[in-house]
Amino acid sequence: MDIYASQFQQGEEYKLIDFPCGQPQPAGGHADHVTTLDGKKIGISSGTTYYYRELISQCIIDVDQAERGNKVIVQWGDYGKRIKNVNATVAVARYPYLDLPRNENYDLSTVPSGI
């Protein structure tokens, strides 16, 4: 809520999170640091998705931190601008709410012909 409220307050605002999902930025896209709660850098977030009333940050983090339920911080914002530390919980899933089979496990013989 702080990120949205900053758009209507005096002073520098936080970078706005686009809905339904963040659009790729020019020159390689958006990237935010991901840290432990005590500030150790453990990875990079490359984008956001809004899905089922939750904001999902797509990240690459250190293997030893990639445990479901682990609490981390995503440092949302652009370099040299105002940064918001956003609390996040590691889900360790390709998409936490996607229940479709993975591509390598999909049986193509079940797809009707002519599609």
PDB file of N, CA and C in Angstrom:
ATOM      1  N   MET A   1       0.821  -1.185   0.000  1.00  0.00           N
ATOM      2  CA  MET A   1       0.000   0.000   0.000  1.00  0.00           C
ATOM      3  C   MET A   1       0.874   1.262   0.000  1.00  0.00           C
ATOM      4  N   ASP A   2       2.045   1.170   0.654  1.00  0.00           N
ATOM      5  CA  ASP A   2       2.953   2.328   0.674  1.00  0.00           C
ATOM      6  C   ASP A   2       3.350   2.751  -0.743  1.00  0.00           C
ATOM      7  N   ILE A   3       3.541   1.782  -1.617  1.00  0.00           N
ATOM      8  CA  ILE A   3       3.960   2.088  -2.986  1.00  0.00           C
ATOM      9  C   ILE A   3       2.892   2.918  -3.694  1.00  0.00           C
ATOM     10  N   TYR A   4       1.629   2.524  -3.545  1.00  0.00           N
ATOM     11  CA  TYR A   4       0.546   3.279  -4.189  1.00  0.00           C
ATOM     12  C   TYR A   4       0.295   4.602  -3.495  1.00  0.00           C
ATOM     13  N   ALA A   5       0.339   4.620  -2.172  1.00  0.00           N
ATOM     14  CA  ALA A   5       0.118   5.866  -1.429  1.00  0.00           C
ATOM     15  C   ALA A   5       1.172   6.909  -1.790  1.00  0.00           C
ATOM     16  N   SER A   6       2.403   6.470  -2.084  1.00  0.00           N
ATOM     17  CA  SER A   6       3.471   7.426  -2.395  1.00  0.00           C
ATOM     18  C   SER A   6       3.162   8.235  -3.656  1.00  0.00           C
ATOM     19  N   GLN A   7       2.291   7.729  -4.521  1.00  0.00           N
ATOM     20  CA  GLN A   7       1.939   8.448  -5.746  1.00  0.00           C
ATOM     21  C   GLN A   7       1.128   9.716  -5.447  1.00  0.00           C
ATOM     22  N   PHE A   8       0.543   9.791  -4.244  1.00  0.00           N
ATOM     23  CA  PHE A   8      -0.333  10.893  -3.880  1.00  0.00           C
ATOM     24  C   PHE A   8       0.225  11.733  -2.731  1.00  0.00           C
ATOM     25  N   GLN A   9       1.486  11.493  -2.376  1.00  0.00           N
ATOM     26  CA  GLN A   9       2.112  12.214  -1.275  1.00  0.00           C
ATOM     27  C   GLN A   9       3.224  13.109  -1.791  1.00  0.00           C
ATOM     28  N   GLN A  10       3.618  14.064  -0.979  1.00  0.00           N
ATOM     29  CA  GLN A  10       4.739  14.940  -1.307  1.00  0.00           C
ATOM     30  C   GLN A  10       6.029  14.132  -1.311  1.00  0.00           C
ATOM     31  N   GLY A  11       7.011  14.567  -2.081  1.00  0.00           N
ATOM     32  CA  GLY A  11       8.306  13.901  -2.134  1.00  0.00           C
ATOM     33  C   GLY A  11       8.362  12.867  -3.238  1.00  0.00           C
ATOM     34  N   GLU A  12       9.496  12.199  -3.317  1.00  0.00           N
ATOM     35  CA  GLU A  12       9.701  11.208  -4.372  1.00  0.00           C
ATOM     36  C   GLU A  12       8.817   9.989  -4.138  1.00  0.00           C
ATOM     37  N   GLU A  13       8.148   9.555  -5.190  1.00  0.00           N
ATOM     38  CA  GLU A  13       7.290   8.379  -5.080  1.00  0.00           C
ATOM     39  C   GLU A  13       8.100   7.120  -5.359  1.00  0.00           C
ATOM     40  N   TYR A  14       7.558   5.970  -4.922  1.00  0.00           N
ATOM     41  CA  TYR A  14       8.148   4.683  -5.275  1.00  0.00           C
ATOM     42  C   TYR A  14       7.782   4.364  -6.712  1.00  0.00           C
ATOM     43  N   LYS A  15       8.569   3.490  -7.350  1.00  0.00           N
ATOM     44  CA  LYS A  15       8.220   3.013  -8.685  1.00  0.00           C
ATOM     45  C   LYS A  15       6.869   2.307  -8.585  1.00  0.00           C
ATOM     46  N   LEU A  16       5.967   2.624  -9.507  1.00  0.00           N
ATOM     47  CA  LEU A  16       4.628   2.057  -9.504  1.00  0.00           C
ATOM     48  C   LEU A  16       4.651   0.619  -9.996  1.00  0.00           C
ATOM     49  N   ILE A  17       3.877  -0.247  -9.360  1.00  0.00           N
ATOM     50  CA  ILE A  17       3.709  -1.626  -9.815  1.00  0.00           C
ATOM     51  C   ILE A  17       2.505  -1.652 -10.745  1.00  0.00           C
ATOM     52  N   ASP A  18       2.715  -2.063 -11.987  1.00  0.00           N
ATOM     53  CA  ASP A  18       1.640  -2.126 -12.962  1.00  0.00           C
ATOM     54  C   ASP A  18       0.775  -3.364 -12.744  1.00  0.00           C
ATOM     55  N   PHE A  19      -0.524  -3.207 -12.973  1.00  0.00           N
ATOM     56  CA  PHE A  19      -1.454  -4.335 -12.941  1.00  0.00           C
ATOM     57  C   PHE A  19      -2.070  -4.471 -14.316  1.00  0.00           C
ATOM     58  N   PRO A  20      -2.359  -5.645 -14.813  1.00  0.00           N
ATOM     59  CA  PRO A  20      -2.352  -6.908 -14.085  1.00  0.00           C
ATOM     60  C   PRO A  20      -0.965  -7.478 -13.852  1.00  0.00           C
ATOM     61  N   CYS A  21       0.035  -7.017 -14.613  1.00  0.00           N
ATOM     62  CA  CYS A  21       1.402  -7.460 -14.333  1.00  0.00           C
ATOM     63  C   CYS A  21       2.364  -6.416 -14.864  1.00  0.00           C
ATOM     64  N   GLY A  22       3.562  -6.422 -14.300  1.00  0.00           N
ATOM     65  CA  GLY A  22       4.568  -5.468 -14.732  1.00  0.00           C
ATOM     66  C   GLY A  22       5.005  -5.747 -16.155  1.00  0.00           C
ATOM     67  N   GLN A  23       5.120  -4.719 -16.944  1.00  0.00           N
ATOM     68  CA  GLN A  23       5.549  -4.862 -18.326  1.00  0.00           C
ATOM     69  C   GLN A  23       7.074  -4.834 -18.399  1.00  0.00           C
ATOM     70  N   PRO A  24       7.657  -5.587 -19.327  1.00  0.00           N
ATOM     71  CA  PRO A  24       9.111  -5.559 -19.469  1.00  0.00           C
ATOM     72  C   PRO A  24       9.601  -4.148 -19.783  1.00  0.00           C
ATOM     73  N   GLN A  25      10.683  -3.779 -19.190  1.00  0.00           N
ATOM     74  CA  GLN A  25      11.281  -2.473 -19.405  1.00  0.00           C
ATOM     75  C   GLN A  25      12.251  -2.542 -20.573  1.00  0.00           C
ATOM     76  N   PRO A  26      12.592  -1.409 -21.170  1.00  0.00           N
ATOM     77  CA  PRO A  26      13.587  -1.424 -22.251  1.00  0.00           C
ATOM     78  C   PRO A  26      14.949  -1.927 -21.737  1.00  0.00           C
ATOM     79  N   ALA A  27      15.757  -2.378 -22.632  1.00  0.00           N
ATOM     80  CA  ALA A  27      17.153  -2.777 -22.351  1.00  0.00           C
ATOM     81  C   ALA A  27      17.245  -3.883 -21.312  1.00  0.00           C
ATOM     82  N   GLY A  28      16.465  -4.920 -21.451  1.00  0.00           N
ATOM     83  CA  GLY A  28      16.643  -6.096 -20.610  1.00  0.00           C
ATOM     84  C   GLY A  28      15.646  -6.273 -19.496  1.00  0.00           C
ATOM     85  N   GLY A  29      14.798  -5.311 -19.249  1.00  0.00           N
ATOM     86  CA  GLY A  29      13.761  -5.497 -18.248  1.00  0.00           C
ATOM     87  C   GLY A  29      14.121  -4.949 -16.885  1.00  0.00           C
ATOM     88  N   HIS A  30      13.224  -5.152 -15.965  1.00  0.00           N
ATOM     89  CA  HIS A  30      13.357  -4.641 -14.609  1.00  0.00           C
ATOM     90  C   HIS A  30      14.062  -5.682 -13.747  1.00  0.00           C
ATOM     91  N   ALA A  31      14.867  -5.246 -12.804  1.00  0.00           N
ATOM     92  CA  ALA A  31      15.536  -6.160 -11.878  1.00  0.00           C
ATOM     93  C   ALA A  31      15.644  -5.503 -10.513  1.00  0.00           C
ATOM     94  N   ASP A  32      15.314  -6.264  -9.479  1.00  0.00           N
ATOM     95  CA  ASP A  32      15.414  -5.801  -8.096  1.00  0.00           C
ATOM     96  C   ASP A  32      16.271  -6.777  -7.306  1.00  0.00           C
ATOM     97  N   HIS A  33      16.997  -6.246  -6.324  1.00  0.00           N
ATOM     98  CA  HIS A  33      17.751  -7.132  -5.430  1.00  0.00           C
ATOM     99  C   HIS A  33      16.771  -7.872  -4.532  1.00  0.00           C
ATOM    100  N   VAL A  34      17.125  -9.115  -4.215  1.00  0.00           N
ATOM    101  CA  VAL A  34      16.408  -9.899  -3.215  1.00  0.00           C
ATOM    102  C   VAL A  34      17.411 -10.148  -2.099  1.00  0.00           C
ATOM    103  N   THR A  35      16.991  -9.893  -0.858  1.00  0.00           N
ATOM    104  CA  THR A  35      17.887 -10.051   0.285  1.00  0.00           C
ATOM    105  C   THR A  35      17.239 -10.912   1.362  1.00  0.00           C
ATOM    106  N   THR A  36      18.080 -11.374   2.284  1.00  0.00           N
ATOM    107  CA  THR A  36      17.565 -11.994   3.495  1.00  0.00           C
ATOM    108  C   THR A  36      17.003 -10.882   4.377  1.00  0.00           C
ATOM    109  N   LEU A  37      16.340 -11.240   5.462  1.00  0.00           N
ATOM    110  CA  LEU A  37      15.787 -10.231   6.362  1.00  0.00           C
ATOM    111  C   LEU A  37      16.870  -9.361   6.986  1.00  0.00           C
ATOM    112  N   ASP A  38      18.102  -9.900   7.092  1.00  0.00           N
ATOM    113  CA  ASP A  38      19.193  -9.098   7.665  1.00  0.00           C
ATOM    114  C   ASP A  38      20.020  -8.372   6.596  1.00  0.00           C
ATOM    115  N   GLY A  39      19.554  -8.384   5.331  1.00  0.00           N
ATOM    116  CA  GLY A  39      20.171  -7.564   4.302  1.00  0.00           C
ATOM    117  C   GLY A  39      21.180  -8.234   3.390  1.00  0.00           C
ATOM    118  N   LYS A  40      21.458  -9.524   3.561  1.00  0.00           N
ATOM    119  CA  LYS A  40      22.408 -10.223   2.689  1.00  0.00           C
ATOM    120  C   LYS A  40      21.772 -10.410   1.307  1.00  0.00           C
ATOM    121  N   LYS A  41      22.481  -9.982   0.250  1.00  0.00           N
ATOM    122  CA  LYS A  41      21.972 -10.148  -1.111  1.00  0.00           C
ATOM    123  C   LYS A  41      22.011 -11.623  -1.504  1.00  0.00           C
ATOM    124  N   ILE A  42      20.851 -12.128  -1.948  1.00  0.00           N
ATOM    125  CA  ILE A  42      20.760 -13.548  -2.302  1.00  0.00           C
ATOM    126  C   ILE A  42      20.192 -13.786  -3.692  1.00  0.00           C
ATOM    127  N   GLY A  43      19.813 -12.729  -4.407  1.00  0.00           N
ATOM    128  CA  GLY A  43      19.271 -12.966  -5.734  1.00  0.00           C
ATOM    129  C   GLY A  43      18.725 -11.721  -6.399  1.00  0.00           C
ATOM    130  N   ILE A  44      18.036 -11.964  -7.515  1.00  0.00           N
ATOM    131  CA  ILE A  44      17.477 -10.897  -8.341  1.00  0.00           C
ATOM    132  C   ILE A  44      16.043 -11.259  -8.710  1.00  0.00           C
ATOM    133  N   SER A  45      15.157 -10.280  -8.607  1.00  0.00           N
ATOM    134  CA  SER A  45      13.794 -10.416  -9.103  1.00  0.00           C
ATOM    135  C   SER A  45      13.746  -9.794 -10.493  1.00  0.00           C
ATOM    136  N   SER A  46      13.161 -10.518 -11.432  1.00  0.00           N
ATOM    137  CA  SER A  46      13.148 -10.037 -12.815  1.00  0.00           C
ATOM    138  C   SER A  46      11.780  -9.560 -13.275  1.00  0.00           C
ATOM    139  N   GLY A  47      10.794  -9.618 -12.417  1.00  0.00           N
ATOM    140  CA  GLY A  47       9.483  -9.149 -12.837  1.00  0.00           C
ATOM    141  C   GLY A  47       8.408  -9.492 -11.829  1.00  0.00           C
ATOM    142  N   THR A  48       7.229  -8.952 -12.068  1.00  0.00           N
ATOM    143  CA  THR A  48       6.103  -9.196 -11.186  1.00  0.00           C
ATOM    144  C   THR A  48       4.901  -9.677 -11.989  1.00  0.00           C
ATOM    145  N   THR A  49       4.074 -10.450 -11.333  1.00  0.00           N
ATOM    146  CA  THR A  49       2.819 -10.914 -11.902  1.00  0.00           C
ATOM    147  C   THR A  49       1.767 -10.818 -10.813  1.00  0.00           C
ATOM    148  N   TYR A  50       0.602 -10.351 -11.178  1.00  0.00           N
ATOM    149  CA  TYR A  50      -0.523 -10.306 -10.246  1.00  0.00           C
ATOM    150  C   TYR A  50      -1.437 -11.459 -10.599  1.00  0.00           C
ATOM    151  N   TYR A  51      -1.663 -12.362  -9.648  1.00  0.00           N
ATOM    152  CA  TYR A  51      -2.412 -13.574  -9.927  1.00  0.00           C
ATOM    153  C   TYR A  51      -3.187 -13.986  -8.689  1.00  0.00           C
ATOM    154  N   TYR A  52      -4.473 -14.215  -8.821  1.00  0.00           N
ATOM    155  CA  TYR A  52      -5.328 -14.611  -7.709  1.00  0.00           C
ATOM    156  C   TYR A  52      -5.163 -13.699  -6.491  1.00  0.00           C
ATOM    157  N   ARG A  53      -5.201 -12.403  -6.732  1.00  0.00           N
ATOM    158  CA  ARG A  53      -5.145 -11.373  -5.692  1.00  0.00           C
ATOM    159  C   ARG A  53      -3.840 -11.376  -4.905  1.00  0.00           C
ATOM    160  N   GLU A  54      -2.789 -11.886  -5.508  1.00  0.00           N
ATOM    161  CA  GLU A  54      -1.467 -11.848  -4.892  1.00  0.00           C
ATOM    162  C   GLU A  54      -0.473 -11.322  -5.907  1.00  0.00           C
ATOM    163  N   LEU A  55       0.516 -10.600  -5.423  1.00  0.00           N
ATOM    164  CA  LEU A  55       1.582 -10.111  -6.276  1.00  0.00           C
ATOM    165  C   LEU A  55       2.742 -11.086  -6.169  1.00  0.00           C
ATOM    166  N   ILE A  56       3.145 -11.638  -7.291  1.00  0.00           N
ATOM    167  CA  ILE A  56       4.216 -12.631  -7.338  1.00  0.00           C
ATOM    168  C   ILE A  56       5.439 -11.980  -7.964  1.00  0.00           C
ATOM    169  N   SER A  57       6.566 -12.091  -7.285  1.00  0.00           N
ATOM    170  CA  SER A  57       7.829 -11.593  -7.815  1.00  0.00           C
ATOM    171  C   SER A  57       8.607 -12.792  -8.342  1.00  0.00           C
ATOM    172  N   GLN A  58       8.925 -12.780  -9.617  1.00  0.00           N
ATOM    173  CA  GLN A  58       9.653 -13.890 -10.228  1.00  0.00           C
ATOM    174  C   GLN A  58      11.147 -13.665  -9.998  1.00  0.00           C
ATOM    175  N   CYS A  59      11.774 -14.570  -9.250  1.00  0.00           N
ATOM    176  CA  CYS A  59      13.147 -14.361  -8.782  1.00  0.00           C
ATOM    177  C   CYS A  59      14.047 -15.549  -9.074  1.00  0.00           C
ATOM    178  N   ILE A  60      15.331 -15.255  -9.092  1.00  0.00           N
ATOM    179  CA  ILE A  60      16.372 -16.274  -9.043  1.00  0.00           C
ATOM    180  C   ILE A  60      17.128 -15.988  -7.745  1.00  0.00           C
ATOM    181  N   ILE A  61      17.145 -16.973  -6.856  1.00  0.00           N
ATOM    182  CA  ILE A  61      17.820 -16.775  -5.564  1.00  0.00           C
ATOM    183  C   ILE A  61      18.776 -17.925  -5.294  1.00  0.00           C
ATOM    184  N   ASP A  62      19.671 -17.687  -4.331  1.00  0.00           N
ATOM    185  CA  ASP A  62      20.632 -18.708  -3.937  1.00  0.00           C
ATOM    186  C   ASP A  62      19.903 -19.985  -3.525  1.00  0.00           C
ATOM    187  N   VAL A  63      20.452 -21.134  -3.903  1.00  0.00           N
ATOM    188  CA  VAL A  63      19.824 -22.426  -3.628  1.00  0.00           C
ATOM    189  C   VAL A  63      19.559 -22.608  -2.135  1.00  0.00           C
ATOM    190  N   ASP A  64      20.507 -22.192  -1.293  1.00  0.00           N
ATOM    191  CA  ASP A  64      20.327 -22.393   0.147  1.00  0.00           C
ATOM    192  C   ASP A  64      19.214 -21.524   0.733  1.00  0.00           C
ATOM    193  N   GLN A  65      18.696 -20.570  -0.030  1.00  0.00           N
ATOM    194  CA  GLN A  65      17.592 -19.715   0.418  1.00  0.00           C
ATOM    195  C   GLN A  65      16.256 -20.117  -0.214  1.00  0.00           C
ATOM    196  N   ALA A  66      16.304 -21.059  -1.156  1.00  0.00           N
ATOM    197  CA  ALA A  66      15.120 -21.442  -1.923  1.00  0.00           C
ATOM    198  C   ALA A  66      14.315 -22.524  -1.219  1.00  0.00           C
ATOM    199  N   GLU A  67      13.891 -22.209  -0.008  1.00  0.00           N
ATOM    200  CA  GLU A  67      13.072 -23.141   0.760  1.00  0.00           C
ATOM    201  C   GLU A  67      11.680 -22.544   0.921  1.00  0.00           C
ATOM    202  N   ARG A  68      10.657 -23.333   0.591  1.00  0.00           N
ATOM    203  CA  ARG A  68       9.278 -22.862   0.682  1.00  0.00           C
ATOM    204  C   ARG A  68       9.003 -22.290   2.074  1.00  0.00           C
ATOM    205  N   GLY A  69       8.458 -21.082   2.099  1.00  0.00           N
ATOM    206  CA  GLY A  69       8.126 -20.417   3.353  1.00  0.00           C
ATOM    207  C   GLY A  69       9.207 -19.485   3.871  1.00  0.00           C
ATOM    208  N   ASN A  70      10.402 -19.535   3.274  1.00  0.00           N
ATOM    209  CA  ASN A  70      11.493 -18.661   3.693  1.00  0.00           C
ATOM    210  C   ASN A  70      11.096 -17.191   3.478  1.00  0.00           C
ATOM    211  N   LYS A  71      11.334 -16.355   4.451  1.00  0.00           N
ATOM    212  CA  LYS A  71      11.016 -14.929   4.358  1.00  0.00           C
ATOM    213  C   LYS A  71      12.202 -14.174   3.762  1.00  0.00           C
ATOM    214  N   VAL A  72      11.932 -13.347   2.752  1.00  0.00           N
ATOM    215  CA  VAL A  72      12.950 -12.544   2.086  1.00  0.00           C
ATOM    216  C   VAL A  72      12.419 -11.132   1.877  1.00  0.00           C
ATOM    217  N   ILE A  73      13.271 -10.271   1.350  1.00  0.00           N
ATOM    218  CA  ILE A  73      12.877  -8.904   1.017  1.00  0.00           C
ATOM    219  C   ILE A  73      13.210  -8.647  -0.444  1.00  0.00           C
ATOM    220  N   VAL A  74      12.240  -8.118  -1.183  1.00  0.00           N
ATOM    221  CA  VAL A  74      12.473  -7.664  -2.553  1.00  0.00           C
ATOM    222  C   VAL A  74      12.607  -6.151  -2.484  1.00  0.00           C
ATOM    223  N   GLN A  75      13.739  -5.633  -2.961  1.00  0.00           N
ATOM    224  CA  GLN A  75      13.984  -4.188  -2.929  1.00  0.00           C
ATOM    225  C   GLN A  75      13.423  -3.573  -4.213  1.00  0.00           C
ATOM    226  N   TRP A  76      12.146  -3.166  -4.161  1.00  0.00           N
ATOM    227  CA  TRP A  76      11.408  -2.691  -5.323  1.00  0.00           C
ATOM    228  C   TRP A  76      11.798  -1.260  -5.670  1.00  0.00           C
ATOM    229  N   GLY A  77      12.152  -1.019  -6.934  1.00  0.00           N
ATOM    230  CA  GLY A  77      12.423   0.334  -7.397  1.00  0.00           C
ATOM    231  C   GLY A  77      13.568   0.393  -8.382  1.00  0.00           C
ATOM    232  N   ASP A  78      13.788   1.569  -8.916  1.00  0.00           N
ATOM    233  CA  ASP A  78      14.852   1.787  -9.891  1.00  0.00           C
ATOM    234  C   ASP A  78      16.106   2.324  -9.208  1.00  0.00           C
ATOM    235  N   TYR A  79      17.264   1.895  -9.699  1.00  0.00           N
ATOM    236  CA  TYR A  79      18.547   2.347  -9.160  1.00  0.00           C
ATOM    237  C   TYR A  79      18.602   3.871  -9.153  1.00  0.00           C
ATOM    238  N   GLY A  80      19.026   4.434  -8.036  1.00  0.00           N
ATOM    239  CA  GLY A  80      19.144   5.881  -7.905  1.00  0.00           C
ATOM    240  C   GLY A  80      17.851   6.574  -7.529  1.00  0.00           C
ATOM    241  N   LYS A  81      16.775   5.807  -7.404  1.00  0.00           N
ATOM    242  CA  LYS A  81      15.468   6.354  -7.024  1.00  0.00           C
ATOM    243  C   LYS A  81      15.082   5.795  -5.661  1.00  0.00           C
ATOM    244  N   ARG A  82      13.893   6.128  -5.220  1.00  0.00           N
ATOM    245  CA  ARG A  82      13.395   5.651  -3.935  1.00  0.00           C
ATOM    246  C   ARG A  82      13.137   4.143  -4.020  1.00  0.00           C
ATOM    247  N   ILE A  83      13.644   3.397  -3.040  1.00  0.00           N
ATOM    248  CA  ILE A  83      13.524   1.941  -3.000  1.00  0.00           C
ATOM    249  C   ILE A  83      12.624   1.549  -1.833  1.00  0.00           C
ATOM    250  N   LYS A  84      11.695   0.617  -2.077  1.00  0.00           N
ATOM    251  CA  LYS A  84      10.806   0.102  -1.037  1.00  0.00           C
ATOM    252  C   LYS A  84      11.169  -1.346  -0.754  1.00  0.00           C
ATOM    253  N   ASN A  85      11.475  -1.653   0.496  1.00  0.00           N
ATOM    254  CA  ASN A  85      11.706  -3.036   0.909  1.00  0.00           C
ATOM    255  C   ASN A  85      10.344  -3.707   1.073  1.00  0.00           C
ATOM    256  N   VAL A  86      10.085  -4.725   0.241  1.00  0.00           N
ATOM    257  CA  VAL A  86       8.803  -5.423   0.260  1.00  0.00           C
ATOM    258  C   VAL A  86       9.029  -6.820   0.817  1.00  0.00           C
ATOM    259  N   ASN A  87       8.311  -7.158   1.883  1.00  0.00           N
ATOM    260  CA  ASN A  87       8.406  -8.495   2.460  1.00  0.00           C
ATOM    261  C   ASN A  87       7.815  -9.511   1.493  1.00  0.00           C
ATOM    262  N   ALA A  88       8.486 -10.661   1.364  1.00  0.00           N
ATOM    263  CA  ALA A  88       8.018 -11.710   0.466  1.00  0.00           C
ATOM    264  C   ALA A  88       8.277 -13.072   1.102  1.00  0.00           C
ATOM    265  N   THR A  89       7.538 -14.052   0.642  1.00  0.00           N
ATOM    266  CA  THR A  89       7.689 -15.428   1.098  1.00  0.00           C
ATOM    267  C   THR A  89       8.013 -16.306  -0.105  1.00  0.00           C
ATOM    268  N   VAL A  90       9.061 -17.109   0.017  1.00  0.00           N
ATOM    269  CA  VAL A  90       9.493 -17.974  -1.078  1.00  0.00           C
ATOM    270  C   VAL A  90       8.456 -19.075  -1.296  1.00  0.00           C
ATOM    271  N   ALA A  91       8.072 -19.261  -2.557  1.00  0.00           N
ATOM    272  CA  ALA A  91       7.095 -20.295  -2.904  1.00  0.00           C
ATOM    273  C   ALA A  91       7.750 -21.502  -3.563  1.00  0.00           C
ATOM    274  N   VAL A  92       8.916 -21.337  -4.173  1.00  0.00           N
ATOM    275  CA  VAL A  92       9.645 -22.406  -4.855  1.00  0.00           C
ATOM    276  C   VAL A  92       8.715 -23.186  -5.778  1.00  0.00           C
ATOM    277  N   ALA A  93       8.226 -22.504  -6.757  1.00  0.00           N
ATOM    278  CA  ALA A  93       7.349 -23.139  -7.743  1.00  0.00           C
ATOM    279  C   ALA A  93       7.480 -22.386  -9.053  1.00  0.00           C
ATOM    280  N   ARG A  94       7.201 -23.063 -10.141  1.00  0.00           N
ATOM    281  CA  ARG A  94       7.298 -22.340 -11.397  1.00  0.00           C
ATOM    282  C   ARG A  94       6.209 -21.307 -11.477  1.00  0.00           C
ATOM    283  N   TYR A  95       5.026 -21.597 -11.029  1.00  0.00           N
ATOM    284  CA  TYR A  95       3.949 -20.631 -10.779  1.00  0.00           C
ATOM    285  C   TYR A  95       3.118 -21.260  -9.676  1.00  0.00           C
ATOM    286  N   PRO A  96       3.054 -20.627  -8.513  1.00  0.00           N
ATOM    287  CA  PRO A  96       2.415 -21.267  -7.361  1.00  0.00           C
ATOM    288  C   PRO A  96       0.970 -21.710  -7.587  1.00  0.00           C
ATOM    289  N   TYR A  97       0.262 -21.090  -8.502  1.00  0.00           N
ATOM    290  CA  TYR A  97      -1.150 -21.410  -8.662  1.00  0.00           C
ATOM    291  C   TYR A  97      -1.440 -22.140  -9.965  1.00  0.00           C
ATOM    292  N   LEU A  98      -0.424 -22.531 -10.697  1.00  0.00           N
ATOM    293  CA  LEU A  98      -0.610 -23.220 -11.959  1.00  0.00           C
ATOM    294  C   LEU A  98      -0.615 -24.721 -11.698  1.00  0.00           C
ATOM    295  N   ASP A  99      -1.743 -25.367 -11.988  1.00  0.00           N
ATOM    296  CA  ASP A  99      -1.844 -26.794 -11.709  1.00  0.00           C
ATOM    297  C   ASP A  99      -1.837 -27.641 -12.983  1.00  0.00           C
ATOM    298  N   LEU A 100      -1.433 -27.046 -14.094  1.00  0.00           N
ATOM    299  CA  LEU A 100      -1.331 -27.796 -15.341  1.00  0.00           C
ATOM    300  C   LEU A 100      -0.054 -28.637 -15.335  1.00  0.00           C
ATOM    301  N   PRO A 101      -0.048 -29.737 -16.094  1.00  0.00           N
ATOM    302  CA  PRO A 101       1.184 -30.546 -16.128  1.00  0.00           C
ATOM    303  C   PRO A 101       2.318 -29.775 -16.802  1.00  0.00           C
ATOM    304  N   ARG A 102       3.537 -30.061 -16.372  1.00  0.00           N
ATOM    305  CA  ARG A 102       4.701 -29.447 -17.005  1.00  0.00           C
ATOM    306  C   ARG A 102       4.798 -29.939 -18.440  1.00  0.00           C
ATOM    307  N   ASN A 103       5.394 -29.143 -19.302  1.00  0.00           N
ATOM    308  CA  ASN A 103       5.483 -29.488 -20.725  1.00  0.00           C
ATOM    309  C   ASN A 103       6.134 -30.851 -20.969  1.00  0.00           C
ATOM    310  N   GLU A 104       7.218 -31.140 -20.248  1.00  0.00           N
ATOM    311  CA  GLU A 104       7.924 -32.391 -20.522  1.00  0.00           C
ATOM    312  C   GLU A 104       7.114 -33.615 -20.086  1.00  0.00           C
ATOM    313  N   ASN A 105       6.073 -33.406 -19.269  1.00  0.00           N
ATOM    314  CA  ASN A 105       5.235 -34.512 -18.810  1.00  0.00           C
ATOM    315  C   ASN A 105       3.892 -34.580 -19.531  1.00  0.00           C
ATOM    316  N   TYR A 106       3.674 -33.698 -20.484  1.00  0.00           N
ATOM    317  CA  TYR A 106       2.369 -33.628 -21.151  1.00  0.00           C
ATOM    318  C   TYR A 106       2.282 -34.696 -22.236  1.00  0.00           C
ATOM    319  N   ASP A 107       1.201 -35.444 -22.215  1.00  0.00           N
ATOM    320  CA  ASP A 107       0.988 -36.508 -23.194  1.00  0.00           C
ATOM    321  C   ASP A 107       0.278 -35.924 -24.418  1.00  0.00           C
ATOM    322  N   LEU A 108       1.025 -35.712 -25.503  1.00  0.00           N
ATOM    323  CA  LEU A 108       0.471 -35.103 -26.705  1.00  0.00           C
ATOM    324  C   LEU A 108      -0.595 -35.973 -27.368  1.00  0.00           C
ATOM    325  N   SER A 109      -0.608 -37.248 -27.074  1.00  0.00           N
ATOM    326  CA  SER A 109      -1.629 -38.118 -27.671  1.00  0.00           C
ATOM    327  C   SER A 109      -3.021 -37.787 -27.135  1.00  0.00           C
ATOM    328  N   THR A 110      -3.099 -37.026 -26.051  1.00  0.00           N
ATOM    329  CA  THR A 110      -4.411 -36.650 -25.489  1.00  0.00           C
ATOM    330  C   THR A 110      -4.978 -35.392 -26.135  1.00  0.00           C
ATOM    331  N   VAL A 111      -4.193 -34.741 -27.006  1.00  0.00           N
ATOM    332  CA  VAL A 111      -4.659 -33.535 -27.671  1.00  0.00           C
ATOM    333  C   VAL A 111      -5.466 -33.932 -28.907  1.00  0.00           C
ATOM    334  N   PRO A 112      -6.702 -33.437 -29.037  1.00  0.00           N
ATOM    335  CA  PRO A 112      -7.491 -33.778 -30.226  1.00  0.00           C
ATOM    336  C   PRO A 112      -6.789 -33.326 -31.494  1.00  0.00           C
ATOM    337  N   SER A 113      -6.867 -34.127 -32.537  1.00  0.00           N
ATOM    338  CA  SER A 113      -6.247 -33.741 -33.811  1.00  0.00           C
ATOM    339  C   SER A 113      -7.061 -32.650 -34.460  1.00  0.00           C
ATOM    340  N   GLY A 114      -6.407 -31.889 -35.324  1.00  0.00           N
ATOM    341  CA  GLY A 114      -7.085 -30.827 -36.035  1.00  0.00           C
ATOM    342  C   GLY A 114      -7.078 -29.496 -35.307  1.00  0.00           C
ATOM    343  N   ILE A 115      -6.375 -29.422 -34.205  1.00  0.00           N
ATOM    344  CA  ILE A 115      -6.309 -28.153 -33.468  1.00  0.00           C
ATOM    345  C   ILE A 115      -5.107 -27.372 -33.938  1.00  0.00           C
TER     346      ILE A 115
END
